[in-house]
């Protein structure tokens, strides 16, 4: 077999397969077992000797959904025809939705010319002689699908039973606690972080606002939840945005103050998955939570917790405007710390950076900048770019006039005619050899010479045709987009659609200068507000 033949070994394991969640950073035995089986199968198949073998693994993903990182990578490679064969342990490793699996095995992979092998099922598409996977495999996939749904219900029921007993079932302990080394379903106070939690409640109970607590902790460089998790060997991204910094924010403080687990409770079922295999979760109503009392050492008393809640209710944040899509939604950031700017809609819309209220040292923008100031600069920059673009389009349209298109089409026709003429010459040459007018050696020499010339003509025809197609495409796009560009060029005010079409991000600096990163270029330009 050709050495360029590419084989992908696809491996999948998930919690539904009985893998332990504790060794989350270690490859599970199921991965090792599947790899050993597939490698052994390759080694025992002489036809695969010398083939290129790659491996793709999805660890911790349900088979009921095809939305798995390496499954998507596999399908992309398949559609790009970068692979020739897929080998799995059994059909359930590829997927548990029998309809989807059957579509791929019986329709899509044969169409793409990809061989599919399921080792334990004894299935090899190359040996089916054009037949589909058959009733036996379809029925087996039905069993897999029902098994997955049934197993999901059993797992859910088992977790609910454990939750009612008061077992702690989350992957990570909240700050202030750690999992008991002897019982992973029980929390014990963490000596390194319990004091941080107690202090937050003390400060809130004394009347300090969440903003004031945030500033104090950042000034004192109190370790954040993410820093504590990283120190314990876990990677837990709590809050991102500040360049190289790990800072407290108001959301983190508020979340801790509202967490009833610090009263010694365990809570399960705050969120749920609406569909088996779907990784998206939704909030459950409080009535559906499973709460168990007195399951571990409380870090605060009921009185301290209640007092903090009363003060928390009094922390009325300034009106930052209702959530919605505004002119620069998701487009404005502080040029110093990298965080999104906050919109304040009182009087005239304006933006400010919250990081300067949390910590110092980044030189973040002081005060605020009006939305209208930024809009004027961005509009001027967009219109300047459109003028340049329109000039380029004019040149393109001139280059794409009828004479240019006709010239390219003439070249294509000429090269194709030359190829056809060479075919006739080859036929005449063959007849001459058959009639013994020329020797076989002479025939081969002349035929090879003609073939080389024909290949060159074919290459030129292909290049000219590609150039013609590209020019036609550019002309169509230019004519189609021109009315909108003219409309933007004549606009008196910036619109949301203009921002979406042209702007990737706008960075605002302390001197009120701005740096625009365009969606059509990696480079940006710095402008002064008008």
Protein backbone atom coordinates (compact mmCIF):
# COMPACT_ATOMS: atom_id res chain seq x y z
CA UNK A 1 0.00 0.00 0.00
CA UNK A 2 1.12 3.52 -0.80
CA UNK A 3 3.01 5.14 2.07
CA UNK A 4 0.94 8.32 1.68
CA UNK A 5 -2.14 6.42 2.85
CA UNK A 6 -3.24 8.26 6.01
CA UNK A 7 -5.01 6.48 8.88
CA UNK A 8 -6.68 8.19 11.85
CA UNK A 9 -7.19 6.27 15.08
CA UNK A 10 -10.14 7.91 16.83
CA UNK A 11 -10.49 7.42 20.60
CA UNK A 12 -13.24 8.67 22.89
CA UNK A 13 -13.97 8.26 26.58
CA UNK A 14 -16.40 10.06 28.88
CA UNK A 15 -17.87 9.89 32.37
CA UNK A 16 -20.62 7.67 30.96
CA UNK A 17 -17.94 5.05 30.31
CA UNK A 18 -17.16 4.81 34.01
CA UNK A 19 -14.03 6.92 34.05
CA UNK A 20 -13.09 8.45 37.38
CA UNK A 21 -13.33 12.23 37.62
CA UNK A 22 -10.62 12.47 40.24
CA UNK A 23 -7.67 11.84 37.94
CA UNK A 24 -8.69 14.65 35.67
CA UNK A 25 -5.11 15.47 34.65
CA UNK A 26 -4.12 11.86 33.99
CA UNK A 27 -5.05 9.99 30.84
CA UNK A 28 -7.69 7.41 31.75
CA UNK A 29 -7.20 3.66 31.36
CA UNK A 30 -9.92 3.62 28.71
CA UNK A 31 -7.74 5.81 26.48
CA UNK A 32 -4.79 3.49 26.98
CA UNK A 33 -6.89 0.40 26.33
CA UNK A 34 -8.34 1.79 23.11
CA UNK A 35 -4.93 2.93 21.91
CA UNK A 36 -3.38 -0.48 22.61
CA UNK A 37 -6.20 -2.29 20.80
CA UNK A 38 -6.05 -0.05 17.73
CA UNK A 39 -2.24 -0.09 17.54
CA UNK A 40 -2.28 -3.86 17.86
CA UNK A 41 -4.85 -4.08 15.04
CA UNK A 42 -2.63 -1.91 12.82
CA UNK A 43 0.42 -4.03 13.66
CA UNK A 44 -1.39 -7.25 12.76
CA UNK A 45 -2.59 -5.92 9.38
CA UNK A 46 0.18 -6.18 6.74
CA UNK A 47 -1.78 -3.93 4.35
CA UNK A 48 -1.21 -0.99 6.71
CA UNK A 49 2.55 -1.39 6.84
CA UNK A 50 4.30 1.90 6.07
CA UNK A 51 1.11 3.99 6.30
CA UNK A 52 1.01 7.31 8.11
CA UNK A 53 -0.92 6.89 11.37
CA UNK A 54 -2.26 9.78 13.46
CA UNK A 55 -4.34 9.73 16.63
CA UNK A 56 -7.23 11.95 17.73
CA UNK A 57 -8.72 11.63 21.20
CA UNK A 58 -11.73 13.24 22.93
CA UNK A 59 -11.43 12.60 26.67
CA UNK A 60 -14.47 13.48 28.75
CA UNK A 61 -16.98 14.07 25.93
CA UNK A 62 -20.35 12.37 25.50
CA UNK A 63 -20.97 10.30 22.38
CA UNK A 64 -24.50 11.66 21.96
CA UNK A 65 -23.15 14.85 20.38
CA UNK A 66 -20.71 15.26 17.50
CA UNK A 67 -19.61 18.63 18.94
CA UNK A 68 -16.32 17.28 20.29
CA UNK A 69 -13.05 19.15 19.57
CA UNK A 70 -11.13 16.31 17.96
CA UNK A 71 -14.23 14.83 16.30
CA UNK A 72 -14.70 18.18 14.56
CA UNK A 73 -11.01 18.13 13.60
CA UNK A 74 -11.47 14.59 12.22
CA UNK A 75 -14.49 15.60 10.14
CA UNK A 76 -12.66 18.67 8.80
CA UNK A 77 -9.75 16.49 7.69
CA UNK A 78 -12.20 14.04 6.13
CA UNK A 79 -13.98 16.76 4.15
CA UNK A 80 -10.61 18.17 3.04
CA UNK A 81 -9.67 14.63 1.90
CA UNK A 82 -6.55 14.66 4.05
CA UNK A 83 -7.21 11.15 5.41
CA UNK A 84 -7.94 7.79 3.82
CA UNK A 85 -9.07 5.58 6.69
CA UNK A 86 -10.70 5.93 10.13
CA UNK A 87 -10.37 3.17 12.73
CA UNK A 88 -12.31 3.00 16.01
CA UNK A 89 -12.64 0.41 18.76
CA UNK A 90 -16.40 0.14 18.21
CA UNK A 91 -19.22 2.22 16.79
CA UNK A 92 -20.06 3.75 20.18
CA UNK A 93 -16.60 5.36 20.27
CA UNK A 94 -17.48 7.24 17.08
CA UNK A 95 -20.91 8.20 18.41
CA UNK A 96 -24.00 7.01 20.26
CA UNK A 97 -26.59 8.67 18.02
CA UNK A 98 -27.32 5.80 15.63
CA UNK A 99 -28.88 8.01 12.94
CA UNK A 100 -25.83 10.29 12.74
CA UNK A 101 -23.38 7.37 12.88
CA UNK A 102 -25.24 5.53 10.10
CA UNK A 103 -25.24 8.66 7.94
CA UNK A 104 -21.47 8.97 8.20
CA UNK A 105 -20.70 5.25 7.78
CA UNK A 106 -23.19 4.54 4.97
CA UNK A 107 -23.28 7.85 3.09
CA UNK A 108 -20.70 10.50 3.86
CA UNK A 109 -17.49 8.47 4.24
CA UNK A 110 -18.13 6.31 1.12
CA UNK A 111 -18.82 9.51 -0.86
CA UNK A 112 -15.51 10.98 0.36
CA UNK A 113 -13.70 7.73 -0.43
CA UNK A 114 -12.77 7.12 3.21
CA UNK A 115 -12.48 3.61 4.59
CA UNK A 116 -14.11 3.05 8.00
CA UNK A 117 -13.16 0.21 10.36
CA UNK A 118 -14.80 -0.70 13.68
CA UNK A 119 -12.50 -3.33 15.18
CA UNK A 120 -14.69 -4.96 17.84
CA UNK A 121 -17.76 -4.85 15.57
CA UNK A 122 -15.86 -6.67 12.82
CA UNK A 123 -16.85 -3.97 10.34
CA UNK A 124 -14.67 -2.83 7.43
CA UNK A 125 -16.28 -0.69 4.73
CA UNK A 126 -13.68 -1.91 2.20
CA UNK A 127 -15.12 -5.42 2.53
CA UNK A 128 -18.79 -4.45 2.18
CA UNK A 129 -18.68 -4.34 -1.64
CA UNK A 130 -20.83 -1.23 -1.80
CA UNK A 131 -23.39 -2.50 0.71
CA UNK A 132 -24.51 -0.41 3.66
CA UNK A 133 -23.55 -1.23 7.23
CA UNK A 134 -26.68 -3.37 7.52
CA UNK A 135 -29.46 -4.07 10.00
CA UNK A 136 -27.18 -5.60 12.62
CA UNK A 137 -25.05 -2.48 12.98
CA UNK A 138 -28.03 -0.13 12.76
CA UNK A 139 -29.72 -2.10 15.53
CA UNK A 140 -26.52 -2.04 17.58
CA UNK A 141 -26.38 1.75 17.24
CA UNK A 142 -30.00 1.96 18.40
CA UNK A 143 -28.91 0.06 21.49
CA UNK A 144 -26.01 2.49 22.00
CA UNK A 145 -28.38 5.46 21.72
CA UNK A 146 -30.87 4.04 24.21
CA UNK A 147 -28.03 2.92 26.46
CA UNK A 148 -26.63 6.46 26.55
CA UNK A 149 -30.01 7.98 27.49
CA UNK A 150 -30.70 5.28 30.08
CA UNK A 151 -27.21 5.61 31.54
CA UNK A 152 -27.58 9.38 31.71
CA UNK A 153 -30.78 9.02 33.74
CA UNK A 154 -29.12 6.49 36.05
CA UNK A 155 -26.09 8.74 36.57
CA UNK A 156 -28.36 11.71 37.29
CA UNK A 157 -30.44 9.67 39.74
CA UNK A 158 -27.30 8.42 41.48
CA UNK A 159 -25.90 11.94 41.83
CA UNK A 160 -29.19 13.21 43.25
CA UNK A 161 -29.18 10.43 45.83
CA UNK A 162 -25.63 11.33 46.86
CA UNK A 163 -26.56 15.03 46.97
CA UNK A 164 -29.46 14.35 49.34
CA UNK A 165 -27.00 12.58 51.62
CA UNK A 166 -24.92 15.77 51.62
CA UNK A 167 -22.03 14.61 49.44
CA UNK A 168 -20.04 17.40 47.77
CA UNK A 169 -20.15 16.65 44.03
CA UNK A 170 -18.50 19.64 42.32
CA UNK A 171 -15.15 19.31 40.57
CA UNK A 172 -13.52 22.09 42.62
CA UNK A 173 -13.94 23.16 46.22
CA UNK A 174 -14.94 26.82 46.72
CA UNK A 175 -12.26 29.18 48.01
CA UNK A 176 -11.88 28.68 51.76
CA UNK A 177 -12.30 24.91 51.50
CA UNK A 178 -10.51 21.92 50.06
CA UNK A 179 -11.61 18.33 49.51
CA UNK A 180 -10.94 15.93 52.37
CA UNK A 181 -8.07 13.63 51.37
CA UNK A 182 -9.89 10.66 52.91
CA UNK A 183 -13.31 11.49 51.46
CA UNK A 184 -13.44 13.47 48.20
CA UNK A 185 -17.16 14.12 48.72
CA UNK A 186 -16.57 16.07 51.92
CA UNK A 187 -15.21 19.60 52.40
CA UNK A 188 -12.76 20.70 55.08
CA UNK A 189 -11.54 24.23 55.82
CA UNK A 190 -8.43 25.28 53.91
CA UNK A 191 -6.01 26.98 56.30
CA UNK A 192 -4.52 29.11 53.50
CA UNK A 193 -7.77 30.63 52.22
CA UNK A 194 -10.46 30.23 54.90
CA UNK A 195 -9.28 33.46 56.53
CA UNK A 196 -9.82 35.34 53.26
CA UNK A 197 -13.47 34.28 53.15
CA UNK A 198 -14.06 35.16 56.82
CA UNK A 199 -12.50 38.59 56.26
CA UNK A 200 -14.75 39.30 53.26
CA UNK A 201 -17.83 38.64 55.41
CA UNK A 202 -16.42 40.74 58.26
CA UNK A 203 -15.74 43.71 55.96
CA UNK A 204 -19.14 43.44 54.29
CA UNK A 205 -20.85 43.14 57.67
CA UNK A 206 -19.06 46.30 58.79
CA UNK A 207 -20.60 48.18 55.88
CA UNK A 208 -17.81 48.07 53.31
CA UNK A 209 -19.06 47.92 49.71
CA UNK A 210 -17.93 45.25 47.26
CA UNK A 211 -16.02 47.94 45.33
CA UNK A 212 -14.16 48.99 48.49
CA UNK A 213 -13.34 45.37 49.38
CA UNK A 214 -12.08 44.82 45.83
CA UNK A 215 -9.78 47.85 46.00
CA UNK A 216 -8.48 46.83 49.44
CA UNK A 217 -7.69 43.25 48.42
CA UNK A 218 -5.94 44.32 45.23
CA UNK A 219 -3.91 46.92 47.13
CA UNK A 220 -2.89 44.28 49.69
CA UNK A 221 -2.28 41.71 46.91
CA UNK A 222 -4.56 39.16 48.59
CA UNK A 223 -4.43 35.89 46.58
CA UNK A 224 -7.42 35.50 44.25
CA UNK A 225 -9.41 32.26 43.87
CA UNK A 226 -7.56 31.50 40.61
CA UNK A 227 -4.17 32.07 42.26
CA UNK A 228 -5.13 29.70 45.07
CA UNK A 229 -6.34 27.03 42.63
CA UNK A 230 -3.15 27.32 40.58
CA UNK A 231 -1.10 26.96 43.75
CA UNK A 232 -3.04 23.76 44.51
CA UNK A 233 -2.18 22.40 41.08
CA UNK A 234 -5.37 23.29 39.22
CA UNK A 235 -5.82 25.66 36.33
CA UNK A 236 -8.88 27.77 37.06
CA UNK A 237 -9.42 30.92 35.00
CA UNK A 238 -11.44 33.16 37.33
CA UNK A 239 -11.07 36.56 35.70
CA UNK A 240 -9.13 37.56 32.63
CA UNK A 241 -8.28 40.73 30.74
CA UNK A 242 -5.60 42.61 32.67
CA UNK A 243 -2.23 42.02 31.05
CA UNK A 244 -0.32 39.59 33.27
CA UNK A 245 -2.36 40.46 36.36
CA UNK A 246 -4.54 38.37 38.67
CA UNK A 247 -6.95 40.76 40.34
CA UNK A 248 -10.05 40.65 42.47
CA UNK A 249 -13.25 42.08 40.98
CA UNK A 250 -16.70 42.93 42.28
CA UNK A 251 -18.27 39.78 40.82
CA UNK A 252 -15.87 37.52 42.73
CA UNK A 253 -16.58 39.27 46.05
CA UNK A 254 -20.35 39.24 45.46
CA UNK A 255 -20.29 35.54 44.51
CA UNK A 256 -18.54 34.65 47.79
CA UNK A 257 -20.93 36.76 49.88
CA UNK A 258 -23.94 35.00 48.34
CA UNK A 259 -22.57 31.45 48.61
CA UNK A 260 -24.55 29.50 51.23
CA UNK A 261 -21.95 26.75 51.29
CA UNK A 262 -20.01 28.89 53.77
CA UNK A 263 -22.82 28.09 56.25
CA UNK A 264 -21.87 24.41 56.15
CA UNK A 265 -24.38 23.44 53.44
CA UNK A 266 -23.90 21.41 50.27
CA UNK A 267 -25.91 22.54 47.25
CA UNK A 268 -26.57 20.53 44.09
CA UNK A 269 -28.63 21.22 40.97
CA UNK A 270 -28.22 24.98 40.57
CA UNK A 271 -27.80 24.38 36.84
CA UNK A 272 -28.97 21.63 34.47
CA UNK A 273 -28.41 20.43 30.90
CA UNK A 274 -31.56 20.71 28.78
CA UNK A 275 -30.46 17.91 26.46
CA UNK A 276 -28.31 14.80 26.80
CA UNK A 277 -24.92 15.38 25.22
CA UNK A 278 -25.37 19.15 25.20
CA UNK A 279 -22.64 20.94 27.17
CA UNK A 280 -24.75 24.09 27.55
CA UNK A 281 -26.36 24.54 30.97
CA UNK A 282 -29.29 26.60 32.22
CA UNK A 283 -30.18 27.94 35.66
CA UNK A 284 -32.53 25.89 37.86
CA UNK A 285 -35.09 27.55 40.10
CA UNK A 286 -34.16 27.45 43.79
CA UNK A 287 -37.04 25.04 44.48
CA UNK A 288 -35.20 22.43 42.36
CA UNK A 289 -31.93 22.72 44.28
CA UNK A 290 -30.92 19.90 46.61
CA UNK A 291 -29.62 21.49 49.83
CA UNK A 292 -28.16 19.51 52.73
CA UNK A 293 -27.50 21.26 56.06
CA UNK A 294 -24.51 20.91 58.41
CA UNK A 295 -22.34 18.81 56.08
CA UNK A 296 -19.01 20.52 56.82
CA UNK A 297 -17.45 23.17 59.02
CA UNK A 298 -19.10 26.58 58.41
CA UNK A 299 -16.70 29.48 57.85
CA UNK A 300 -19.24 32.11 58.98
CA UNK A 301 -22.19 32.10 61.35
CA UNK A 302 -25.80 32.51 60.23
CA UNK A 303 -25.85 36.00 61.78
CA UNK A 304 -22.68 37.05 59.93
CA UNK A 305 -24.07 35.70 56.66
CA UNK A 306 -27.42 37.46 57.11
CA UNK A 307 -25.78 40.75 58.04
CA UNK A 308 -23.64 40.59 54.90
CA UNK A 309 -26.76 39.93 52.79
CA UNK A 310 -28.50 42.97 54.24
CA UNK A 311 -25.55 45.21 53.45
CA UNK A 312 -25.14 43.59 50.03
CA UNK A 313 -28.73 44.54 49.18
CA UNK A 314 -27.85 48.16 49.96
CA UNK A 315 -24.92 48.23 47.52
CA UNK A 316 -26.78 49.95 44.69
CA UNK A 317 -24.54 50.18 41.66
CA UNK A 318 -24.59 53.32 39.59
CA UNK A 319 -26.82 53.30 36.53
CA UNK A 320 -24.63 51.86 33.82
CA UNK A 321 -27.49 51.55 31.36
CA UNK A 322 -29.67 48.55 30.59
CA UNK A 323 -28.04 45.58 28.91
CA UNK A 324 -28.31 45.86 25.16
CA UNK A 325 -26.43 46.33 21.91
CA UNK A 326 -24.94 49.79 21.65
CA UNK A 327 -22.74 51.53 19.10
CA UNK A 328 -19.47 50.10 20.49
CA UNK A 329 -20.70 46.95 22.29
CA UNK A 330 -17.76 44.48 22.61
CA UNK A 331 -15.49 46.87 20.68
CA UNK A 332 -13.98 49.27 23.27
CA UNK A 333 -11.07 48.41 25.59
CA UNK A 334 -8.66 50.27 27.83
CA UNK A 335 -5.35 50.64 26.03
CA UNK A 336 -3.39 50.14 29.28
CA UNK A 337 -4.96 47.10 30.99
CA UNK A 338 -6.87 45.56 28.10
CA UNK A 339 -10.24 45.38 29.87
CA UNK A 340 -13.53 46.28 28.23
CA UNK A 341 -14.62 49.84 28.97
CA UNK A 342 -17.86 50.31 30.91
CA UNK A 343 -20.69 52.33 29.37
CA UNK A 344 -22.48 54.92 31.52
CA UNK A 345 -25.63 56.21 29.88
CA UNK A 346 -26.54 59.16 32.12
CA UNK A 347 -26.91 62.36 30.12
CA UNK A 348 -24.64 61.63 27.15
CA UNK A 349 -23.19 58.09 26.74
CA UNK A 350 -19.61 57.85 27.97
CA UNK A 351 -17.09 55.14 28.80
CA UNK A 352 -14.68 54.59 31.68
CA UNK A 353 -12.23 51.92 32.88
CA UNK A 354 -13.01 50.07 36.11
CA UNK A 355 -9.51 48.73 36.65
CA UNK A 356 -8.31 52.02 38.10
CA UNK A 357 -10.91 51.62 40.86
CA UNK A 358 -9.60 48.14 41.64
CA UNK A 359 -5.86 48.69 41.58
CA UNK A 360 -3.13 51.14 40.57
CA UNK A 361 -0.02 50.71 38.49
CA UNK A 362 -1.45 50.27 34.99
CA UNK A 363 -1.90 53.97 34.26
CA UNK A 364 -5.46 53.35 33.11
CA UNK A 365 -7.62 56.04 31.63
CA UNK A 366 -8.79 58.56 34.20
CA UNK A 367 -12.27 59.99 34.10
CA UNK A 368 -14.36 59.10 31.08
CA UNK A 369 -14.51 59.67 27.35
CA UNK A 370 -17.69 60.54 25.49
CA UNK A 371 -19.06 58.06 22.99
CA UNK A 372 -19.50 60.90 20.50
CA UNK A 373 -15.76 61.72 20.64
CA UNK A 374 -14.79 58.15 19.81
CA UNK A 375 -17.50 57.91 17.15
CA UNK A 376 -16.23 61.02 15.33
CA UNK A 377 -12.69 59.62 15.13
CA UNK A 378 -13.81 56.14 14.05
CA UNK A 379 -16.18 57.55 11.40
CA UNK A 380 -13.41 59.72 9.94
CA UNK A 381 -11.02 56.74 9.86
CA UNK A 382 -13.61 54.47 8.21
CA UNK A 383 -14.45 57.05 5.55
CA UNK A 384 -10.75 57.61 4.83
CA UNK A 385 -10.35 53.88 4.30
CA UNK A 386 -13.44 53.73 2.08
CA UNK A 387 -11.99 56.48 -0.15
CA UNK A 388 -8.84 54.41 -0.59
CA UNK A 389 -10.96 51.34 -1.24
CA UNK A 390 -13.09 53.14 -3.81
CA UNK A 391 -9.95 54.26 -5.66
CA UNK A 392 -8.78 50.64 -5.74
CA UNK A 393 -12.21 49.52 -6.97
CA UNK A 394 -12.11 52.10 -9.75
CA UNK A 395 -8.75 50.76 -10.87
CA UNK A 396 -10.12 47.23 -10.67
CA UNK A 397 -13.18 48.08 -12.71
CA UNK A 398 -10.96 49.74 -15.31
CA UNK A 399 -8.72 46.68 -15.36
CA UNK A 400 -11.79 44.50 -15.70
CA UNK A 401 -13.22 46.17 -18.79
CA UNK A 402 -14.58 44.20 -21.70
CA UNK A 403 -11.24 44.18 -23.55
CA UNK A 404 -9.41 42.66 -20.57
CA UNK A 405 -12.01 39.94 -20.06
CA UNK A 406 -12.07 39.18 -23.78
CA UNK A 407 -8.27 38.96 -23.88
CA UNK A 408 -8.18 36.46 -21.03
CA UNK A 409 -10.97 34.39 -22.56
CA UNK A 410 -9.09 34.39 -25.87
CA UNK A 411 -5.97 33.08 -24.11
CA UNK A 412 -7.94 30.26 -22.48
CA UNK A 413 -9.50 29.25 -25.80
CA UNK A 414 -6.12 29.40 -27.56
CA UNK A 415 -4.39 27.17 -25.03
CA UNK A 416 -7.26 24.67 -25.03
CA UNK A 417 -7.19 24.54 -28.84
CA UNK A 418 -3.44 23.89 -28.73
CA UNK A 419 -4.03 20.95 -26.37
CA UNK A 420 -6.68 19.51 -28.70
CA UNK A 421 -4.34 19.89 -31.70
CA UNK A 422 -1.60 18.00 -29.87
CA UNK A 423 -4.08 15.15 -29.27
CA UNK A 424 -4.57 14.97 -33.05
CA UNK A 425 -0.79 14.97 -33.59
CA UNK A 426 -0.42 12.11 -31.11
CA UNK A 427 -3.06 10.11 -32.99
CA UNK A 428 -1.28 10.72 -36.32
CA UNK A 429 2.02 9.73 -34.73
CA UNK A 430 0.51 6.48 -33.47
CA UNK A 431 -0.88 5.68 -36.93
CA UNK A 432 2.58 6.27 -38.42
CA UNK A 433 4.08 3.78 -35.97
CA UNK A 434 1.31 1.25 -36.61
CA UNK A 435 2.00 1.50 -40.36
CA UNK A 436 5.73 1.07 -39.58
CA UNK A 437 6.55 4.46 -41.08
CA UNK A 438 8.50 5.29 -37.91
CA UNK A 439 10.14 3.07 -35.31
CA UNK A 440 8.64 2.44 -31.86
CA UNK A 441 11.58 4.31 -30.30
CA UNK A 442 10.99 7.31 -32.57
CA UNK A 443 7.29 7.18 -31.68
CA UNK A 444 8.07 7.28 -27.95
CA UNK A 445 10.48 10.20 -28.33
CA UNK A 446 8.02 12.28 -30.38
CA UNK A 447 5.06 11.32 -28.15
CA UNK A 448 6.92 12.37 -24.99
CA UNK A 449 7.91 15.65 -26.63
CA UNK A 450 4.28 16.34 -27.57
CA UNK A 451 3.12 15.41 -24.05
CA UNK A 452 5.51 17.89 -22.49
CA UNK A 453 4.23 20.63 -24.78
CA UNK A 454 0.65 19.66 -24.09
CA UNK A 455 1.23 19.75 -20.32
CA UNK A 456 2.66 23.25 -20.64
CA UNK A 457 -0.33 24.42 -22.72
CA UNK A 458 -2.75 22.86 -20.22
CA UNK A 459 -0.97 24.61 -17.35
CA UNK A 460 -1.17 27.96 -19.14
CA UNK A 461 -4.86 27.40 -19.90
CA UNK A 462 -5.54 26.59 -16.27
CA UNK A 463 -3.67 29.69 -15.06
CA UNK A 464 -5.49 31.98 -17.51
CA UNK A 465 -8.84 30.45 -16.57
CA UNK A 466 -8.09 30.95 -12.86
CA UNK A 467 -7.16 34.59 -13.51
CA UNK A 468 -10.35 35.08 -15.48
CA UNK A 469 -12.49 33.53 -12.73
CA UNK A 470 -10.79 35.62 -10.04
CA UNK A 471 -11.26 38.84 -12.00
CA UNK A 472 -14.95 38.09 -12.61
CA UNK A 473 -15.41 37.34 -8.90
CA UNK A 474 -13.70 40.58 -7.84
CA UNK A 475 -15.73 42.60 -10.30
CA UNK A 476 -18.98 41.08 -9.03
CA UNK A 477 -18.01 41.74 -5.40
CA UNK A 478 -16.94 45.30 -6.21
CA UNK A 479 -20.19 46.10 -7.99
CA UNK A 480 -22.27 44.43 -5.28
CA UNK A 481 -20.59 46.23 -2.34
CA UNK A 482 -20.23 49.63 -4.00
CA UNK A 483 -23.69 51.05 -3.09
CA UNK A 484 -23.18 50.34 0.60
CA UNK A 485 -19.67 51.85 0.59
CA UNK A 486 -20.99 54.99 -1.09
CA UNK A 487 -23.73 55.18 1.55
CA UNK A 488 -21.14 54.86 4.33
CA UNK A 489 -18.93 57.46 2.67
CA UNK A 490 -21.79 59.97 2.67
CA UNK A 491 -22.91 59.17 6.26
CA UNK A 492 -23.06 62.05 8.74
CA UNK A 493 -22.95 59.76 11.79
CA UNK A 494 -21.40 56.42 12.69
CA UNK A 495 -23.77 53.42 12.84
CA UNK A 496 -23.51 50.05 14.59
CA UNK A 497 -23.40 48.26 11.23
CA UNK A 498 -20.42 50.36 10.13
CA UNK A 499 -18.59 49.46 13.35
CA UNK A 500 -19.36 45.75 12.88
CA UNK A 501 -18.24 45.81 9.23
CA UNK A 502 -14.92 47.58 9.78
CA UNK A 503 -13.79 47.59 13.42
CA UNK A 504 -12.33 44.70 15.37
CA UNK A 505 -11.39 46.68 18.50
CA UNK A 506 -10.81 50.26 19.65
CA UNK A 507 -8.27 50.90 22.43
CA UNK A 508 -8.61 54.14 24.41
CA UNK A 509 -5.61 55.62 26.27
CA UNK A 510 -5.18 58.00 29.20
CA UNK A 511 -4.49 60.94 26.89
CA UNK A 512 -7.82 60.16 25.14
CA UNK A 513 -6.02 59.02 21.99
CA UNK A 514 -7.41 55.86 20.42
CA UNK A 515 -5.92 52.92 18.55
CA UNK A 516 -8.14 51.20 15.99
CA UNK A 517 -7.65 47.56 15.04
CA UNK A 518 -9.50 46.89 11.80
CA UNK A 519 -11.36 43.69 11.09
CA UNK A 520 -9.71 43.57 7.66
CA UNK A 521 -6.10 44.05 8.85
CA UNK A 522 -3.87 43.04 11.73
CA UNK A 523 -2.41 46.54 11.80
CA UNK A 524 -4.05 49.50 13.50
CA UNK A 525 -3.63 53.21 13.57
CA UNK A 526 -3.60 55.72 16.40
CA UNK A 527 -5.83 58.78 16.17
CA UNK A 528 -6.56 61.80 18.29
CA UNK A 529 -10.18 62.56 19.19
CA UNK A 530 -11.75 65.26 17.05
